[in-house]
Amino acid sequence: MSIQNKKLKQFMDELVAQLVAKFPDEVISFVLFGSATTGEWIRGKSDIDCIVIIKNKKLCSQVTECLNKLLLELDSKYNLKLSETCTSYKKTDNFALDLIFKTENKMMFGQPFYVVASDQLDLKGFKIRNDIKIEIGTRTIASLGLFLQRIKNTGIILYGKDIRKEIPTTVPAIEKLKASFNAMLLLMMSFVIFPFSPKSAFSHAIKANFWACDDVLFALDKPLSTTKQEVKEICNLFNKKIDSDHLYQSLDFKKTKDTMNADKWFVLQYVLKSTRFVYGLYGIALKKLFKF
């Protein structure tokens, strides 16, 4: 895994260097993961995913604020359009839509930086301590196990300690179950967003299909990789039991959605079809997992 986009690499190198200079001896590890490291990152379409581990919990908010400021400054310098793709910075002319995006951000969708102190993060126990919001989320609907497996499989160390080595390969069954909420929440948001922005609803539904593939491979202890490879793996695993055409069509939509003139009826049909696909895939995966 590596950063293949030259400008993105320069952006990340400068961001990390400035952060470390601002907080010397505080940053333990800075890890970049997701599309930025798998060769799937696209300017103006993709965001970034980073986890930053620091020493002092009291500095988490300051480090996060610094990172957000640096992202906006350096995004302007390198023109990567991250301020448009990361949910944290999205702005529209619709108050209701802005409110929805803010809610998504609180639910950890599209957040570029996750800053946590070393004494909060229990990698082997799949827990984050002393943060009520995150702790409640990871104990109920959010799978920290899936989050950590993405880091283990797609992460690259930009600074400091290699935490990937400490992430267990075996994941508790409850973490696998919670992972299924990811795509379901994304689909729910598709329906909520649809009246205000069919285009955003379309993007959410496309992503939900791939997140479902991610969730299922994670539940079956399969390695996570690129979206294209995961789609191929899911189609090979379940063959004629799923709508493979829908999945491959979604892969095409991922590349062309911004140039498509999809009307509301088309988007609604696609969201409904994606909902059927995701729940159907989960059902088939459950049967395979529990062999019934």
C-alpha atoms as a PDB file:
ATOM      1  CA  MET A   1       0.000   0.000   0.000  1.00  0.00           C
ATOM      2  CA  SER A   2       1.222   3.522  -0.795  1.00  0.00           C
ATOM      3  CA  ILE A   3       0.039   7.019  -1.714  1.00  0.00           C
ATOM      4  CA  GLN A   4       0.056   6.919  -5.510  1.00  0.00           C
ATOM      5  CA  ASN A   5      -1.234  10.440  -6.135  1.00  0.00           C
ATOM      6  CA  LYS A   6       1.795  12.768  -6.092  1.00  0.00           C
ATOM      7  CA  LYS A   7      -0.042  15.880  -4.885  1.00  0.00           C
ATOM      8  CA  LEU A   8      -1.868  13.947  -2.195  1.00  0.00           C
ATOM      9  CA  LYS A   9       1.447  12.558  -0.956  1.00  0.00           C
ATOM     10  CA  GLN A  10       2.932  16.063  -0.798  1.00  0.00           C
ATOM     11  CA  PHE A  11      -0.192  17.239   1.032  1.00  0.00           C
ATOM     12  CA  MET A  12       0.008  14.444   3.620  1.00  0.00           C
ATOM     13  CA  ASP A  13       3.765  14.856   4.127  1.00  0.00           C
ATOM     14  CA  GLU A  14       3.379  18.582   4.794  1.00  0.00           C
ATOM     15  CA  LEU A  15       0.336  18.103   7.017  1.00  0.00           C
ATOM     16  CA  VAL A  16       2.119  15.533   9.202  1.00  0.00           C
ATOM     17  CA  ALA A  17       5.317  17.615   9.362  1.00  0.00           C
ATOM     18  CA  GLN A  18       3.418  20.725  10.469  1.00  0.00           C
ATOM     19  CA  LEU A  19       1.406  18.787  13.046  1.00  0.00           C
ATOM     20  CA  VAL A  20       4.522  17.227  14.584  1.00  0.00           C
ATOM     21  CA  ALA A  21       6.232  20.637  14.637  1.00  0.00           C
ATOM     22  CA  LYS A  22       3.184  22.129  16.374  1.00  0.00           C
ATOM     23  CA  PHE A  23       2.984  19.306  18.927  1.00  0.00           C
ATOM     24  CA  PRO A  24       6.568  18.031  19.383  1.00  0.00           C
ATOM     25  CA  ASP A  25       6.921  14.763  21.325  1.00  0.00           C
ATOM     26  CA  GLU A  26       3.115  14.427  21.465  1.00  0.00           C
ATOM     27  CA  VAL A  27       2.234  12.410  18.341  1.00  0.00           C
ATOM     28  CA  ILE A  28       2.770   8.670  18.837  1.00  0.00           C
ATOM     29  CA  SER A  29       1.432   7.437  15.509  1.00  0.00           C
ATOM     30  CA  PHE A  30      -0.150   8.924  12.382  1.00  0.00           C
ATOM     31  CA  VAL A  31      -1.815   6.396  10.073  1.00  0.00           C
ATOM     32  CA  LEU A  32      -3.486   6.996   6.721  1.00  0.00           C
ATOM     33  CA  PHE A  33      -5.848   4.309   5.404  1.00  0.00           C
ATOM     34  CA  GLY A  34      -8.675   3.718   2.933  1.00  0.00           C
ATOM     35  CA  SER A  35      -8.864   4.868  -0.692  1.00  0.00           C
ATOM     36  CA  ALA A  36      -5.839   7.172  -0.326  1.00  0.00           C
ATOM     37  CA  THR A  37      -3.595   4.122   0.122  1.00  0.00           C
ATOM     38  CA  THR A  38      -5.283   1.574  -2.161  1.00  0.00           C
ATOM     39  CA  GLY A  39      -4.882   3.532  -5.404  1.00  0.00           C
ATOM     40  CA  GLU A  40      -8.603   4.386  -5.570  1.00  0.00           C
ATOM     41  CA  TRP A  41      -8.376   7.994  -4.413  1.00  0.00           C
ATOM     42  CA  ILE A  42      -9.892  10.445  -6.917  1.00  0.00           C
ATOM     43  CA  ARG A  43      -9.551  14.216  -6.653  1.00  0.00           C
ATOM     44  CA  GLY A  44     -12.895  15.880  -6.020  1.00  0.00           C
ATOM     45  CA  LYS A  45     -14.604  12.562  -5.220  1.00  0.00           C
ATOM     46  CA  SER A  46     -12.614  10.902  -2.435  1.00  0.00           C
ATOM     47  CA  ASP A  47     -11.959  11.978   1.135  1.00  0.00           C
ATOM     48  CA  ILE A  48      -9.146  10.890   3.455  1.00  0.00           C
ATOM     49  CA  ASP A  49      -9.168   8.659   6.532  1.00  0.00           C
ATOM     50  CA  CYS A  50      -6.557   9.096   9.256  1.00  0.00           C
ATOM     51  CA  ILE A  51      -6.093   7.983  12.832  1.00  0.00           C
ATOM     52  CA  VAL A  52      -3.762   9.976  15.032  1.00  0.00           C
ATOM     53  CA  ILE A  53      -2.654   8.595  18.385  1.00  0.00           C
ATOM     54  CA  ILE A  54      -1.279  11.095  20.882  1.00  0.00           C
ATOM     55  CA  LYS A  55       0.029  10.949  24.450  1.00  0.00           C
ATOM     56  CA  ASN A  56      -2.239  13.383  26.303  1.00  0.00           C
ATOM     57  CA  LYS A  57      -6.028  13.037  26.122  1.00  0.00           C
ATOM     58  CA  LYS A  58      -6.446  16.687  27.141  1.00  0.00           C
ATOM     59  CA  LEU A  59      -4.905  17.716  23.824  1.00  0.00           C
ATOM     60  CA  CYS A  60      -7.267  15.672  21.594  1.00  0.00           C
ATOM     61  CA  SER A  61      -9.520  18.620  20.766  1.00  0.00           C
ATOM     62  CA  GLN A  62      -6.549  20.935  20.135  1.00  0.00           C
ATOM     63  CA  VAL A  63      -4.881  18.418  17.821  1.00  0.00           C
ATOM     64  CA  THR A  64      -8.167  17.861  15.951  1.00  0.00           C
ATOM     65  CA  GLU A  65      -8.677  21.610  15.582  1.00  0.00           C
ATOM     66  CA  CYS A  66      -5.109  21.984  14.292  1.00  0.00           C
ATOM     67  CA  LEU A  67      -5.594  19.169  11.770  1.00  0.00           C
ATOM     68  CA  ASN A  68      -8.848  20.658  10.489  1.00  0.00           C
ATOM     69  CA  LYS A  69      -7.168  24.032  10.049  1.00  0.00           C
ATOM     70  CA  LEU A  70      -4.186  22.482   8.277  1.00  0.00           C
ATOM     71  CA  LEU A  71      -6.455  20.490   5.959  1.00  0.00           C
ATOM     72  CA  LEU A  72      -8.258  23.618   4.781  1.00  0.00           C
ATOM     73  CA  GLU A  73      -5.021  25.592   4.356  1.00  0.00           C
ATOM     74  CA  LEU A  74      -3.164  22.844   2.506  1.00  0.00           C
ATOM     75  CA  ASP A  75      -6.218  21.852   0.483  1.00  0.00           C
ATOM     76  CA  SER A  76      -6.243  25.378  -0.909  1.00  0.00           C
ATOM     77  CA  LYS A  77      -2.519  25.090  -1.673  1.00  0.00           C
ATOM     78  CA  TYR A  78      -2.665  21.699  -3.414  1.00  0.00           C
ATOM     79  CA  ASN A  79      -6.230  22.024  -4.800  1.00  0.00           C
ATOM     80  CA  LEU A  80      -7.295  18.484  -3.831  1.00  0.00           C
ATOM     81  CA  LYS A  81     -10.935  19.491  -3.133  1.00  0.00           C
ATOM     82  CA  LEU A  82     -10.936  17.691   0.218  1.00  0.00           C
ATOM     83  CA  SER A  83     -13.004  20.506   1.701  1.00  0.00           C
ATOM     84  CA  GLU A  84     -15.759  19.406  -0.703  1.00  0.00           C
ATOM     85  CA  THR A  85     -15.492  15.641  -0.194  1.00  0.00           C
ATOM     86  CA  CYS A  86     -14.992  15.360   3.584  1.00  0.00           C
ATOM     87  CA  THR A  87     -18.366  15.556   5.342  1.00  0.00           C
ATOM     88  CA  SER A  88     -16.898  17.721   8.125  1.00  0.00           C
ATOM     89  CA  TYR A  89     -16.482  20.664   5.739  1.00  0.00           C
ATOM     90  CA  LYS A  90     -19.403  20.240   3.354  1.00  0.00           C
ATOM     91  CA  LYS A  91     -21.523  23.344   2.840  1.00  0.00           C
ATOM     92  CA  THR A  92     -24.649  23.666   0.704  1.00  0.00           C
ATOM     93  CA  ASP A  93     -27.348  26.275   0.141  1.00  0.00           C
ATOM     94  CA  ASN A  94     -29.844  24.088   1.987  1.00  0.00           C
ATOM     95  CA  PHE A  95     -29.988  24.402   5.779  1.00  0.00           C
ATOM     96  CA  ALA A  96     -31.675  21.011   6.223  1.00  0.00           C
ATOM     97  CA  LEU A  97     -29.036  19.275   4.089  1.00  0.00           C
ATOM     98  CA  ASP A  98     -26.222  20.963   6.030  1.00  0.00           C
ATOM     99  CA  LEU A  99     -27.829  19.737   9.248  1.00  0.00           C
ATOM    100  CA  ILE A 100     -27.971  16.176   7.864  1.00  0.00           C
ATOM    101  CA  PHE A 101     -24.289  16.296   6.896  1.00  0.00           C
ATOM    102  CA  LYS A 102     -23.389  17.515  10.389  1.00  0.00           C
ATOM    103  CA  THR A 103     -25.369  14.630  11.858  1.00  0.00           C
ATOM    104  CA  GLU A 104     -23.505  12.214   9.595  1.00  0.00           C
ATOM    105  CA  ASN A 105     -20.228  13.670  10.760  1.00  0.00           C
ATOM    106  CA  LYS A 106     -21.187  13.029  14.380  1.00  0.00           C
ATOM    107  CA  MET A 107     -22.005   9.449  13.369  1.00  0.00           C
ATOM    108  CA  MET A 108     -18.415   9.181  12.032  1.00  0.00           C
ATOM    109  CA  PHE A 109     -19.240   9.316   8.304  1.00  0.00           C
ATOM    110  CA  GLY A 110     -16.659  11.194   6.232  1.00  0.00           C
ATOM    111  CA  GLN A 111     -14.622  12.415   9.175  1.00  0.00           C
ATOM    112  CA  PRO A 112     -11.016  12.836   7.983  1.00  0.00           C
ATOM    113  CA  PHE A 113      -9.265  12.638  11.366  1.00  0.00           C
ATOM    114  CA  TYR A 114      -9.798  10.410  14.391  1.00  0.00           C
ATOM    115  CA  VAL A 115      -7.630  11.655  17.238  1.00  0.00           C
ATOM    116  CA  VAL A 116      -7.326   9.471  20.327  1.00  0.00           C
ATOM    117  CA  ALA A 117      -4.921   9.250  23.279  1.00  0.00           C
ATOM    118  CA  SER A 118      -2.863   6.079  23.710  1.00  0.00           C
ATOM    119  CA  ASP A 119      -4.383   5.287  27.104  1.00  0.00           C
ATOM    120  CA  GLN A 120      -7.872   5.439  25.579  1.00  0.00           C
ATOM    121  CA  LEU A 121      -7.238   2.942  22.817  1.00  0.00           C
ATOM    122  CA  ASP A 122      -7.417  -0.761  23.675  1.00  0.00           C
ATOM    123  CA  LEU A 123      -6.516  -2.418  20.379  1.00  0.00           C
ATOM    124  CA  LYS A 124      -6.729  -5.987  21.641  1.00  0.00           C
ATOM    125  CA  GLY A 125     -10.035  -5.398  23.401  1.00  0.00           C
ATOM    126  CA  PHE A 126     -11.516  -3.362  20.506  1.00  0.00           C
ATOM    127  CA  LYS A 127     -12.405  -0.534  22.896  1.00  0.00           C
ATOM    128  CA  ILE A 128     -11.942   3.218  23.234  1.00  0.00           C
ATOM    129  CA  ARG A 129     -12.165   4.421  26.818  1.00  0.00           C
ATOM    130  CA  ASN A 130     -12.898   7.781  28.476  1.00  0.00           C
ATOM    131  CA  ASP A 131     -14.862   9.269  25.582  1.00  0.00           C
ATOM    132  CA  ILE A 132     -18.591   8.916  26.171  1.00  0.00           C
ATOM    133  CA  LYS A 133     -19.699   9.600  22.583  1.00  0.00           C
ATOM    134  CA  ILE A 134     -17.258   7.147  20.980  1.00  0.00           C
ATOM    135  CA  GLU A 135     -17.615   4.585  23.752  1.00  0.00           C
ATOM    136  CA  ILE A 136     -21.409   4.480  23.446  1.00  0.00           C
ATOM    137  CA  GLY A 137     -21.155   4.267  19.649  1.00  0.00           C
ATOM    138  CA  THR A 138     -18.584   1.474  19.599  1.00  0.00           C
ATOM    139  CA  ARG A 139     -20.440  -0.491  22.270  1.00  0.00           C
ATOM    140  CA  THR A 140     -23.753  -0.325  20.401  1.00  0.00           C
ATOM    141  CA  ILE A 141     -23.847   0.151  16.626  1.00  0.00           C
ATOM    142  CA  ALA A 142     -20.309   1.006  15.498  1.00  0.00           C
ATOM    143  CA  SER A 143     -17.791  -1.771  14.933  1.00  0.00           C
ATOM    144  CA  LEU A 144     -14.368  -0.690  16.115  1.00  0.00           C
ATOM    145  CA  GLY A 145     -13.187  -4.106  14.932  1.00  0.00           C
ATOM    146  CA  LEU A 146     -14.023  -3.281  11.300  1.00  0.00           C
ATOM    147  CA  PHE A 147     -12.423   0.154  11.657  1.00  0.00           C
ATOM    148  CA  LEU A 148      -9.215  -1.416  12.981  1.00  0.00           C
ATOM    149  CA  GLN A 149      -9.174  -4.139  10.318  1.00  0.00           C
ATOM    150  CA  ARG A 150      -9.345  -1.437   7.625  1.00  0.00           C
ATOM    151  CA  ILE A 151      -6.313   0.154   9.246  1.00  0.00           C
ATOM    152  CA  LYS A 152      -4.508  -3.201   9.491  1.00  0.00           C
ATOM    153  CA  ASN A 153      -5.179  -4.098   5.856  1.00  0.00           C
ATOM    154  CA  THR A 154      -4.972  -0.730   4.077  1.00  0.00           C
ATOM    155  CA  GLY A 155      -3.093   1.556   6.482  1.00  0.00           C
ATOM    156  CA  ILE A 156       0.329   3.100   5.965  1.00  0.00           C
ATOM    157  CA  ILE A 157       2.373   4.682   8.755  1.00  0.00           C
ATOM    158  CA  LEU A 158       3.156   8.315   7.989  1.00  0.00           C
ATOM    159  CA  TYR A 159       4.768   8.967  11.358  1.00  0.00           C
ATOM    160  CA  GLY A 160       5.789   7.134  14.500  1.00  0.00           C
ATOM    161  CA  LYS A 161       4.748   3.758  15.859  1.00  0.00           C
ATOM    162  CA  ASP A 162       3.345   1.003  13.649  1.00  0.00           C
ATOM    163  CA  ILE A 163       0.080   0.186  15.426  1.00  0.00           C
ATOM    164  CA  ARG A 164      -0.965  -2.242  12.692  1.00  0.00           C
ATOM    165  CA  LYS A 165       1.149  -4.958  14.298  1.00  0.00           C
ATOM    166  CA  GLU A 166      -0.850  -4.701  17.516  1.00  0.00           C
ATOM    167  CA  ILE A 167      -4.275  -5.112  15.908  1.00  0.00           C
ATOM    168  CA  PRO A 168      -5.532  -8.694  16.429  1.00  0.00           C
ATOM    169  CA  THR A 169      -6.426 -10.837  13.427  1.00  0.00           C
ATOM    170  CA  THR A 170      -9.253 -12.616  15.266  1.00  0.00           C
ATOM    171  CA  VAL A 171     -12.310 -10.447  15.874  1.00  0.00           C
ATOM    172  CA  PRO A 172     -15.176 -11.093  18.338  1.00  0.00           C
ATOM    173  CA  ALA A 173     -18.525 -12.115  16.812  1.00  0.00           C
ATOM    174  CA  ILE A 174     -20.275  -9.035  18.253  1.00  0.00           C
ATOM    175  CA  GLU A 175     -17.913  -6.775  16.273  1.00  0.00           C
ATOM    176  CA  LYS A 176     -18.859  -8.630  13.086  1.00  0.00           C
ATOM    177  CA  LEU A 177     -22.554  -8.185  13.849  1.00  0.00           C
ATOM    178  CA  LYS A 178     -22.198  -4.463  14.561  1.00  0.00           C
ATOM    179  CA  ALA A 179     -20.384  -3.981  11.264  1.00  0.00           C
ATOM    180  CA  SER A 180     -23.648  -4.616   9.409  1.00  0.00           C
ATOM    181  CA  PHE A 181     -25.073  -1.340  10.730  1.00  0.00           C
ATOM    182  CA  ASN A 182     -22.664   0.667   8.555  1.00  0.00           C
ATOM    183  CA  ALA A 183     -24.360   0.108   5.210  1.00  0.00           C
ATOM    184  CA  MET A 184     -27.835   0.113   6.768  1.00  0.00           C
ATOM    185  CA  LEU A 185     -27.244   3.550   8.312  1.00  0.00           C
ATOM    186  CA  LEU A 186     -25.908   4.828   5.008  1.00  0.00           C
ATOM    187  CA  LEU A 187     -29.031   3.607   3.204  1.00  0.00           C
ATOM    188  CA  MET A 188     -31.222   5.211   5.845  1.00  0.00           C
ATOM    189  CA  MET A 189     -29.430   8.500   5.246  1.00  0.00           C
ATOM    190  CA  SER A 190     -30.001   8.042   1.489  1.00  0.00           C
ATOM    191  CA  PHE A 191     -33.759   8.105   2.053  1.00  0.00           C
ATOM    192  CA  VAL A 192     -33.490  11.081   4.442  1.00  0.00           C
ATOM    193  CA  ILE A 193     -31.356  13.083   2.004  1.00  0.00           C
ATOM    194  CA  PHE A 194     -33.341  12.173  -1.138  1.00  0.00           C
ATOM    195  CA  PRO A 195     -36.002  14.961  -0.875  1.00  0.00           C
ATOM    196  CA  PHE A 196     -33.276  17.603  -0.517  1.00  0.00           C
ATOM    197  CA  SER A 197     -30.579  16.238  -2.829  1.00  0.00           C
ATOM    198  CA  PRO A 198     -31.179  13.170  -5.035  1.00  0.00           C
ATOM    199  CA  LYS A 199     -27.556  13.459  -6.188  1.00  0.00           C
ATOM    200  CA  SER A 200     -26.245  13.039  -2.627  1.00  0.00           C
ATOM    201  CA  ALA A 201     -28.732  10.226  -2.000  1.00  0.00           C
ATOM    202  CA  PHE A 202     -27.421   8.488  -5.118  1.00  0.00           C
ATOM    203  CA  SER A 203     -23.811   8.781  -3.872  1.00  0.00           C
ATOM    204  CA  HIS A 204     -24.781   7.405  -0.457  1.00  0.00           C
ATOM    205  CA  ALA A 205     -26.579   4.416  -1.974  1.00  0.00           C
ATOM    206  CA  ILE A 206     -23.632   3.601  -4.246  1.00  0.00           C
ATOM    207  CA  LYS A 207     -21.300   3.642  -1.256  1.00  0.00           C
ATOM    208  CA  ALA A 208     -23.696   1.481   0.806  1.00  0.00           C
ATOM    209  CA  ASN A 209     -23.303  -1.410  -1.644  1.00  0.00           C
ATOM    210  CA  PHE A 210     -19.535  -1.397  -1.219  1.00  0.00           C
ATOM    211  CA  TRP A 211     -19.707  -0.945   2.540  1.00  0.00           C
ATOM    212  CA  ALA A 212     -21.932  -4.019   2.665  1.00  0.00           C
ATOM    213  CA  CYS A 213     -19.269  -5.983   0.760  1.00  0.00           C
ATOM    214  CA  ASP A 214     -16.713  -4.671   3.238  1.00  0.00           C
ATOM    215  CA  ASP A 215     -18.896  -5.739   6.187  1.00  0.00           C
ATOM    216  CA  VAL A 216     -19.479  -9.251   4.831  1.00  0.00           C
ATOM    217  CA  LEU A 217     -15.821  -9.913   4.007  1.00  0.00           C
ATOM    218  CA  PHE A 218     -14.917  -8.683   7.481  1.00  0.00           C
ATOM    219  CA  ALA A 219     -17.507 -11.018   9.043  1.00  0.00           C
ATOM    220  CA  LEU A 220     -16.118 -13.949   7.046  1.00  0.00           C
ATOM    221  CA  ASP A 221     -12.524 -13.143   8.098  1.00  0.00           C
ATOM    222  CA  LYS A 222     -11.525 -12.252   4.552  1.00  0.00           C
ATOM    223  CA  PRO A 223      -8.844  -9.549   4.030  1.00  0.00           C
ATOM    224  CA  LEU A 224     -10.086  -6.072   3.074  1.00  0.00           C
ATOM    225  CA  SER A 225      -8.534  -4.489  -0.008  1.00  0.00           C
ATOM    226  CA  THR A 226      -9.653  -2.297  -2.916  1.00  0.00           C
ATOM    227  CA  THR A 227     -13.327  -1.839  -3.769  1.00  0.00           C
ATOM    228  CA  LYS A 228     -12.900  -3.568  -7.140  1.00  0.00           C
ATOM    229  CA  GLN A 229     -11.173  -6.570  -5.569  1.00  0.00           C
ATOM    230  CA  GLU A 230     -13.803  -6.801  -2.831  1.00  0.00           C
ATOM    231  CA  VAL A 231     -16.632  -6.736  -5.376  1.00  0.00           C
ATOM    232  CA  LYS A 232     -14.948  -9.542  -7.310  1.00  0.00           C
ATOM    233  CA  GLU A 233     -14.460 -11.534  -4.100  1.00  0.00           C
ATOM    234  CA  ILE A 234     -18.117 -11.139  -3.075  1.00  0.00           C
ATOM    235  CA  CYS A 235     -19.329 -12.206  -6.525  1.00  0.00           C
ATOM    236  CA  ASN A 236     -17.039 -15.259  -6.435  1.00  0.00           C
ATOM    237  CA  LEU A 237     -18.175 -16.200  -2.931  1.00  0.00           C
ATOM    238  CA  PHE A 238     -21.903 -15.974  -3.584  1.00  0.00           C
ATOM    239  CA  ASN A 239     -22.027 -16.499  -7.352  1.00  0.00           C
ATOM    240  CA  LYS A 240     -25.687 -16.551  -8.508  1.00  0.00           C
ATOM    241  CA  LYS A 241     -27.145 -15.957  -5.029  1.00  0.00           C
ATOM    242  CA  ILE A 242     -26.725 -12.168  -5.337  1.00  0.00           C
ATOM    243  CA  ASP A 243     -27.396  -9.584  -8.028  1.00  0.00           C
ATOM    244  CA  SER A 244     -23.837  -9.322  -9.347  1.00  0.00           C
ATOM    245  CA  ASP A 245     -24.950  -7.081 -12.217  1.00  0.00           C
ATOM    246  CA  HIS A 246     -26.196  -4.489  -9.716  1.00  0.00           C
ATOM    247  CA  LEU A 247     -22.867  -4.588  -7.905  1.00  0.00           C
ATOM    248  CA  TYR A 248     -20.784  -4.173 -11.064  1.00  0.00           C
ATOM    249  CA  GLN A 249     -23.150  -1.453 -12.285  1.00  0.00           C
ATOM    250  CA  SER A 250     -22.587   0.329  -8.960  1.00  0.00           C
ATOM    251  CA  LEU A 251     -18.861   0.083  -9.587  1.00  0.00           C
ATOM    252  CA  ASP A 252     -19.397   1.937 -12.887  1.00  0.00           C
ATOM    253  CA  PHE A 253     -21.651   4.507 -11.203  1.00  0.00           C
ATOM    254  CA  LYS A 254     -18.901   5.192  -8.673  1.00  0.00           C
ATOM    255  CA  LYS A 255     -16.783   6.579 -11.533  1.00  0.00           C
ATOM    256  CA  THR A 256     -19.530   8.290 -13.555  1.00  0.00           C
ATOM    257  CA  LYS A 257     -22.064   9.516 -10.956  1.00  0.00           C
ATOM    258  CA  ASP A 258     -20.847  13.137 -11.031  1.00  0.00           C
ATOM    259  CA  THR A 259     -21.337  13.394 -14.799  1.00  0.00           C
ATOM    260  CA  MET A 260     -24.650  11.507 -14.934  1.00  0.00           C
ATOM    261  CA  ASN A 261     -27.959  13.314 -15.375  1.00  0.00           C
ATOM    262  CA  ALA A 262     -29.922  10.885 -13.225  1.00  0.00           C
ATOM    263  CA  ASP A 263     -33.493  12.016 -12.557  1.00  0.00           C
ATOM    264  CA  LYS A 264     -35.286  11.559  -9.226  1.00  0.00           C
ATOM    265  CA  TRP A 265     -37.170   8.451 -10.339  1.00  0.00           C
ATOM    266  CA  PHE A 266     -33.966   6.730 -11.450  1.00  0.00           C
ATOM    267  CA  VAL A 267     -32.253   7.589  -8.151  1.00  0.00           C
ATOM    268  CA  LEU A 268     -35.199   6.378  -6.069  1.00  0.00           C
ATOM    269  CA  GLN A 269     -35.293   3.090  -7.974  1.00  0.00           C
ATOM    270  CA  TYR A 270     -31.563   2.681  -7.480  1.00  0.00           C
ATOM    271  CA  VAL A 271     -31.760   3.395  -3.721  1.00  0.00           C
ATOM    272  CA  LEU A 272     -34.565   0.835  -3.371  1.00  0.00           C
ATOM    273  CA  LYS A 273     -32.628  -1.732  -5.409  1.00  0.00           C
ATOM    274  CA  SER A 274     -29.510  -1.088  -3.321  1.00  0.00           C
ATOM    275  CA  THR A 275     -31.546  -1.612  -0.151  1.00  0.00           C
ATOM    276  CA  ARG A 276     -32.752  -4.983  -1.443  1.00  0.00           C
ATOM    277  CA  PHE A 277     -29.215  -5.912  -2.447  1.00  0.00           C
ATOM    278  CA  VAL A 278     -27.623  -4.981   0.895  1.00  0.00           C
ATOM    279  CA  TYR A 279     -30.208  -6.753   3.037  1.00  0.00           C
ATOM    280  CA  GLY A 280     -30.148  -9.752   0.708  1.00  0.00           C
ATOM    281  CA  LEU A 281     -26.358  -9.951   0.898  1.00  0.00           C
ATOM    282  CA  TYR A 282     -26.458  -9.756   4.696  1.00  0.00           C
ATOM    283  CA  GLY A 283     -29.051 -12.543   4.806  1.00  0.00           C
ATOM    284  CA  ILE A 284     -26.992 -14.858   2.591  1.00  0.00           C
ATOM    285  CA  ALA A 285     -23.827 -14.052   4.560  1.00  0.00           C
ATOM    286  CA  LEU A 286     -25.567 -14.902   7.852  1.00  0.00           C
ATOM    287  CA  LYS A 287     -26.557 -18.298   6.470  1.00  0.00           C
ATOM    288  CA  LYS A 288     -22.989 -18.927   5.360  1.00  0.00           C
ATOM    289  CA  LEU A 289     -21.540 -17.690   8.661  1.00  0.00           C
ATOM    290  CA  PHE A 290     -23.811 -19.785  10.853  1.00  0.00           C
ATOM    291  CA  LYS A 291     -24.278 -22.594   8.315  1.00  0.00           C
ATOM    292  CA  PHE A 292     -28.063 -22.803   8.332  1.00  0.00           C
END
